[in-house]
């Protein structure tokens, strides 16, 4: 396969990286994060892969980051500060734009395809 065409295949994952939220971001629960990075480009400013989170609630602060998400499985509730909560489930796609500040609540373990642009 070409280096210019990358397949993000949930059935053929690269080596995972494991993490937990920074203490200042944790609101409730004990969420654990797993990331399968498929590609980085533009000096690490563009990233693609699959990310998974177990149930819990964290502060989400995008800063200058633009992120596209497509939910493969699970259920999340995202609440932008000052706005009503929005629920996303399998098959849903959304974008979190630079400046987004809010809460990410994983209700059921979620797995998503992501594209992050810094």
Protein backbone atom coordinates (compact mmCIF):
# COMPACT_ATOMS: atom_id res chain seq x y z
CA UNK A 1 0.00 0.00 0.00
CA UNK A 2 1.18 3.53 -0.74
CA UNK A 3 2.50 5.78 2.03
CA UNK A 4 0.07 8.37 0.65
CA UNK A 5 -3.02 6.18 1.17
CA UNK A 6 -3.53 4.92 4.73
CA UNK A 7 -6.27 2.45 5.62
CA UNK A 8 -7.63 2.80 9.16
CA UNK A 9 -8.64 -0.79 9.82
CA UNK A 10 -10.30 -1.56 13.19
CA UNK A 11 -9.56 -5.27 12.60
CA UNK A 12 -5.82 -4.76 12.01
CA UNK A 13 -4.56 -2.44 14.75
CA UNK A 14 -0.99 -1.24 15.30
CA UNK A 15 0.71 -1.42 18.71
CA UNK A 16 -1.48 0.37 21.31
CA UNK A 17 -0.49 3.13 23.73
CA UNK A 18 -2.21 3.29 27.13
CA UNK A 19 -2.99 6.35 29.24
CA UNK A 20 -5.23 7.82 31.90
CA UNK A 21 -6.48 11.40 32.16
CA UNK A 22 -4.32 14.03 33.81
CA UNK A 23 -5.56 14.58 37.38
CA UNK A 24 -6.68 18.14 36.60
CA UNK A 25 -8.86 16.83 33.74
CA UNK A 26 -10.58 14.01 35.69
CA UNK A 27 -14.12 14.74 36.91
CA UNK A 28 -15.36 11.27 37.86
CA UNK A 29 -14.68 7.56 37.38
CA UNK A 30 -11.41 5.91 36.45
CA UNK A 31 -11.33 6.10 32.65
CA UNK A 32 -8.53 4.38 30.77
CA UNK A 33 -7.52 5.39 27.26
CA UNK A 34 -6.08 3.22 24.50
CA UNK A 35 -4.75 4.77 21.29
CA UNK A 36 -3.82 2.98 18.09
CA UNK A 37 -1.99 5.61 16.03
CA UNK A 38 -2.08 4.91 12.31
CA UNK A 39 -0.29 7.96 10.96
CA UNK A 40 1.31 11.29 11.80
CA UNK A 41 2.09 13.96 9.24
CA UNK A 42 3.14 17.59 9.00
CA UNK A 43 5.65 17.21 11.82
CA UNK A 44 3.07 15.60 14.12
CA UNK A 45 0.48 18.32 13.58
CA UNK A 46 -1.91 15.91 11.80
CA UNK A 47 -2.71 12.58 13.48
CA UNK A 48 -5.05 9.74 12.60
CA UNK A 49 -5.99 6.57 14.41
CA UNK A 50 -8.42 4.80 16.69
CA UNK A 51 -8.98 5.80 20.32
CA UNK A 52 -10.88 3.99 23.05
CA UNK A 53 -12.04 5.17 26.49
CA UNK A 54 -13.66 3.28 29.33
CA UNK A 55 -16.48 4.95 31.33
CA UNK A 56 -15.70 8.16 33.17
CA UNK A 57 -15.97 11.91 32.88
CA UNK A 58 -13.22 14.40 31.94
CA UNK A 59 -12.77 18.04 31.07
CA UNK A 60 -12.25 18.43 27.31
CA UNK A 61 -10.23 21.46 26.21
CA UNK A 62 -9.30 21.63 22.52
CA UNK A 63 -7.23 24.82 22.53
CA UNK A 64 -6.01 25.18 18.91
CA UNK A 65 -6.88 21.57 18.01
CA UNK A 66 -9.47 20.61 15.38
CA UNK A 67 -10.73 17.02 15.77
CA UNK A 68 -12.99 14.89 13.59
CA UNK A 69 -14.47 11.82 15.32
CA UNK A 70 -16.44 8.83 14.01
CA UNK A 71 -17.88 6.55 16.70
CA UNK A 72 -17.30 2.85 16.00
CA UNK A 73 -18.93 1.62 19.22
CA UNK A 74 -20.07 2.85 22.61
CA UNK A 75 -21.94 5.87 23.91
CA UNK A 76 -20.69 9.32 24.93
CA UNK A 77 -22.28 12.54 26.11
CA UNK A 78 -20.45 15.74 25.25
CA UNK A 79 -21.40 19.02 26.87
CA UNK A 80 -19.91 22.26 25.61
CA UNK A 81 -19.75 24.89 28.35
CA UNK A 82 -23.04 26.82 28.34
CA UNK A 83 -24.77 24.37 25.96
CA UNK A 84 -27.05 21.35 26.48
CA UNK A 85 -25.43 17.87 26.36
CA UNK A 86 -25.26 15.99 23.06
CA UNK A 87 -25.14 12.18 22.89
CA UNK A 88 -23.18 10.27 20.23
CA UNK A 89 -23.31 6.52 19.52
CA UNK A 90 -22.12 3.97 16.94
CA UNK A 91 -22.20 5.44 13.43
CA UNK A 92 -22.24 9.09 14.53
CA UNK A 93 -19.59 11.57 13.38
CA UNK A 94 -18.81 15.02 14.71
CA UNK A 95 -16.17 17.75 14.83
CA UNK A 96 -14.77 19.48 17.89
CA UNK A 97 -13.35 22.82 16.75
CA UNK A 98 -10.54 24.93 18.18
CA UNK A 99 -11.69 26.73 21.30
CA UNK A 100 -14.06 23.95 22.42
CA UNK A 101 -14.25 23.65 26.22
CA UNK A 102 -16.60 21.24 27.93
CA UNK A 103 -17.08 17.78 29.40
CA UNK A 104 -16.59 14.39 27.73
CA UNK A 105 -18.60 11.70 29.53
CA UNK A 106 -18.07 8.12 28.38
CA UNK A 107 -21.26 6.26 29.30
CA UNK A 108 -20.36 2.95 27.58
CA UNK A 109 -16.80 2.13 26.51
CA UNK A 110 -16.32 4.11 23.32
CA UNK A 111 -14.09 3.47 20.34
CA UNK A 112 -13.67 6.14 17.66
CA UNK A 113 -11.70 6.92 14.54
CA UNK A 114 -10.06 10.32 14.91
CA UNK A 115 -8.32 12.89 12.77
CA UNK A 116 -6.60 15.62 14.78
CA UNK A 117 -5.19 18.78 13.22
CA UNK A 118 -3.10 21.10 15.39
